[in-house]
Every structure is written in C-alpha cells, then in structure tokens.
Amino acid sequence: MTTAIGITEQHRQEVATVLSILLADEFVLYTKTRNAHWNVEGADFHDKHIFFEGQYQQLDEIVDSVAERIRSIGHYAPGTLSSFVKLTHLTEKTEQQNNSTGFINDLLEEHESIIVFIRKNIDDFNNKYNDAGSGDFITGLIKEHEKMAWMLRASLNK
C-alpha cells in the first residue's frame, strides 16, 4: 500500500535510513544500560541497580517509538541484532569496571553521542526532506536523552 503523506518516497527513504541508524543506537544503548543494571557492583549497588532499571525502561519506550516512526512513514524497521550492530555508530564494548562510576561514564558518553547525532539531522528532516513530523519527533528524543544524560552526569557530580 502506498504511503501518501506529502513526502516523496526518496525523502521518506532518506529519513527512514537515518531513523534506522538511530534505532540501532537506541537498542545498543538500551542493551548497555541493561548490562549495567545486571552487573553493577559496589556499596551503591542497590541504588544504582534501581537507577539503571529506570533508564533502561525509558530506553525501551524510545526504541519502540523510533521503530514505530519508521513504520509510520512507510518503511520497515530493522529488527535483528546483526542489523543493529551494522547500523549503529556506538560500540557494544565497554572498557569500564563493573562499578557505578564506570558504567555511568560509559552510558553518559553514549547518550551524548546520540544527542549530537540527532541534532545533526533535525534541519535535514524539516527542511531538506520536508518531514516536520520526524523533525519534531527527534527533537523530542533530544530532550529525553538530555534529561537522562543529566541524571547520569549528576550521579558523577560532573
């Protein structure tokens, strides 16, 4: 079925490509946050275990919303681990220790990387591809990532 939403197929494809990269980034960050939740150790274990749980729950909602945005503009969302690994600009690897400071530093860096990636694409979505809906959508994601990054940063007193 044709998606007739006032955006050319070429432009919808360009937006879907960027959103697919974002989806992969979000899924990798979700997985890394789950890892932190499962594997954090130290005197602050209980507090950070709960903290990371709240963050991965937020990311789970973001992952779903990005996939649904791709579908709403008429494209299929990637949905395999191999596709996410190929698309993401984040890394699965972490060199951090299993303490809260190590995990928080790693996750903070990834949130900030996603924020920069999103910010680079807002103008193109709105102006180049005539997709204000996707531009507004990713603008909302910046706000969510900025708040999550602030929570991480505040935990480090940075």
Protein backbone atom coordinates (compact mmCIF):
# COMPACT_ATOMS: atom_id res chain seq x y z
CA MET A 1 0.00 0.00 0.00
CA THR A 2 1.23 3.47 -0.88
CA THR A 3 2.10 5.90 1.89
CA ALA A 4 0.67 9.23 0.75
CA ILE A 5 1.67 11.67 3.49
CA GLY A 6 3.03 14.57 1.41
CA ILE A 7 6.66 13.43 1.47
CA THR A 8 8.31 11.91 -1.59
CA GLU A 9 9.39 8.28 -1.48
CA GLN A 10 13.02 9.34 -1.84
CA HIS A 11 12.74 11.69 1.14
CA ARG A 12 10.91 9.08 3.23
CA GLN A 13 13.70 6.63 2.41
CA GLU A 14 16.37 9.13 3.48
CA VAL A 15 14.54 9.76 6.77
CA ALA A 16 14.00 6.02 7.33
CA THR A 17 17.72 5.40 6.80
CA VAL A 18 18.68 7.94 9.47
CA LEU A 19 15.96 6.67 11.81
CA SER A 20 17.23 3.11 11.32
CA ILE A 21 20.69 4.20 12.48
CA LEU A 22 19.06 5.94 15.43
CA LEU A 23 17.05 2.81 16.21
CA ALA A 24 20.24 0.74 16.23
CA ASP A 25 21.94 3.28 18.51
CA GLU A 26 18.97 3.28 20.87
CA PHE A 27 18.91 -0.52 21.00
CA VAL A 28 22.64 -0.75 21.70
CA LEU A 29 22.31 1.88 24.45
CA TYR A 30 19.31 0.00 25.88
CA THR A 31 21.38 -3.21 25.95
CA LYS A 32 24.34 -1.47 27.57
CA THR A 33 22.04 0.01 30.21
CA ARG A 34 20.56 -3.45 30.88
CA ASN A 35 24.10 -4.73 31.27
CA ALA A 36 24.82 -2.00 33.84
CA HIS A 37 21.62 -2.92 35.71
CA TRP A 38 22.55 -6.61 35.78
CA ASN A 39 26.24 -6.29 36.53
CA VAL A 40 26.83 -3.19 38.66
CA GLU A 41 28.76 -3.90 41.86
CA GLY A 42 29.77 -1.86 44.86
CA ALA A 43 28.49 -0.23 48.02
CA ASP A 44 25.87 1.67 45.97
CA PHE A 45 24.66 -1.49 44.20
CA HIS A 46 21.01 -1.30 45.24
CA ASP A 47 20.56 2.38 44.37
CA LYS A 48 22.32 2.06 41.01
CA HIS A 49 20.54 -1.22 40.19
CA ILE A 50 17.22 0.64 40.53
CA PHE A 51 18.59 3.73 38.76
CA PHE A 52 19.72 1.74 35.72
CA GLU A 53 16.38 -0.08 35.65
CA GLY A 54 14.57 3.24 35.30
CA GLN A 55 16.89 4.26 32.49
CA TYR A 56 16.53 1.04 30.50
CA GLN A 57 12.75 1.24 30.86
CA GLN A 58 12.82 4.73 29.33
CA LEU A 59 15.07 3.47 26.54
CA ASP A 60 12.73 0.55 25.87
CA GLU A 61 9.96 3.07 25.17
CA ILE A 62 12.27 5.12 22.95
CA VAL A 63 13.30 2.04 20.95
CA ASP A 64 9.65 1.21 20.31
CA SER A 65 8.77 4.77 19.34
CA VAL A 66 11.65 5.02 16.84
CA ALA A 67 10.64 1.74 15.19
CA GLU A 68 7.02 2.92 15.02
CA ARG A 69 8.10 6.23 13.47
CA ILE A 70 9.91 4.31 10.72
CA ARG A 71 6.76 2.28 10.09
CA SER A 72 4.55 5.39 10.12
CA ILE A 73 6.48 6.87 7.18
CA GLY A 74 6.03 3.67 5.18
CA HIS A 75 9.22 1.70 5.78
CA TYR A 76 10.20 -1.40 7.71
CA ALA A 77 12.26 -1.05 10.87
CA PRO A 78 15.37 -3.16 11.26
CA GLY A 79 14.79 -5.73 13.96
CA THR A 80 17.75 -8.08 14.22
CA LEU A 81 20.84 -7.87 16.36
CA SER A 82 23.07 -8.21 13.30
CA SER A 83 21.35 -5.28 11.60
CA PHE A 84 21.69 -3.15 14.73
CA VAL A 85 25.40 -3.93 15.00
CA LYS A 86 25.90 -2.99 11.33
CA LEU A 87 23.92 0.26 11.61
CA THR A 88 24.98 1.67 14.97
CA HIS A 89 27.73 4.21 15.42
CA LEU A 90 28.02 3.19 19.09
CA THR A 91 30.12 0.31 20.34
CA GLU A 92 28.95 -2.69 22.29
CA LYS A 93 32.28 -2.87 24.04
CA THR A 94 32.91 -1.27 27.36
CA GLU A 95 36.29 -0.84 28.96
CA GLN A 96 34.74 0.17 32.26
CA GLN A 97 34.80 -1.76 35.50
CA ASN A 98 31.54 -3.11 36.89
CA ASN A 99 31.10 -0.25 39.32
CA SER A 100 28.60 2.56 39.05
CA THR A 101 31.19 5.16 38.03
CA GLY A 102 32.45 3.03 35.15
CA PHE A 103 29.00 2.26 33.83
CA ILE A 104 27.77 5.83 34.25
CA ASN A 105 30.76 7.28 32.37
CA ASP A 106 30.22 4.84 29.51
CA LEU A 107 26.45 5.40 29.30
CA LEU A 108 26.84 9.18 29.54
CA GLU A 109 29.22 9.17 26.59
CA GLU A 110 26.73 7.16 24.52
CA HIS A 111 23.79 9.45 25.38
CA GLU A 112 25.83 12.49 24.39
CA SER A 113 26.82 10.80 21.13
CA ILE A 114 23.15 10.13 20.32
CA ILE A 115 22.24 13.74 21.16
CA VAL A 116 24.86 15.03 18.71
CA PHE A 117 23.68 12.59 16.01
CA ILE A 118 20.06 13.64 16.42
CA ARG A 119 20.90 17.35 16.46
CA LYS A 120 22.79 16.97 13.15
CA ASN A 121 19.65 15.60 11.47
CA ILE A 122 16.86 17.91 12.67
CA ASP A 123 17.34 20.58 9.99
CA ASP A 124 17.56 17.99 7.20
CA PHE A 125 14.36 16.29 8.36
CA ASN A 126 12.50 19.61 8.49
CA ASN A 127 13.93 21.44 5.50
CA LYS A 128 15.67 19.06 3.11
CA TYR A 129 13.18 16.16 3.39
CA ASN A 130 10.02 18.16 4.20
CA ASP A 131 9.29 15.89 7.17
CA ALA A 132 8.43 18.16 10.09
CA GLY A 133 6.79 15.21 11.86
CA SER A 134 10.06 13.29 12.04
CA GLY A 135 11.92 16.52 12.86
CA ASP A 136 9.60 17.14 15.78
CA PHE A 137 9.86 13.50 16.82
CA ILE A 138 13.65 13.52 17.05
CA THR A 139 13.61 16.93 18.76
CA GLY A 140 11.57 15.26 21.49
CA LEU A 141 14.14 12.49 21.71
CA ILE A 142 16.90 15.04 22.30
CA LYS A 143 15.01 16.27 25.34
CA GLU A 144 14.70 12.74 26.70
CA HIS A 145 18.38 11.96 26.15
CA GLU A 146 19.47 15.30 27.61
CA LYS A 147 17.49 14.58 30.76
CA MET A 148 18.87 11.04 31.03
CA ALA A 149 22.40 12.37 30.47
CA TRP A 150 21.85 15.00 33.16
CA MET A 151 20.79 12.27 35.60
CA LEU A 152 23.94 10.30 34.78
CA ARG A 153 26.15 13.40 35.00
CA ALA A 154 24.60 14.40 38.32
CA SER A 155 25.42 10.95 39.66
CA LEU A 156 29.07 11.68 38.94
CA ASN A 157 28.99 15.28 40.22
CA LYS A 158 30.35 16.44 36.84
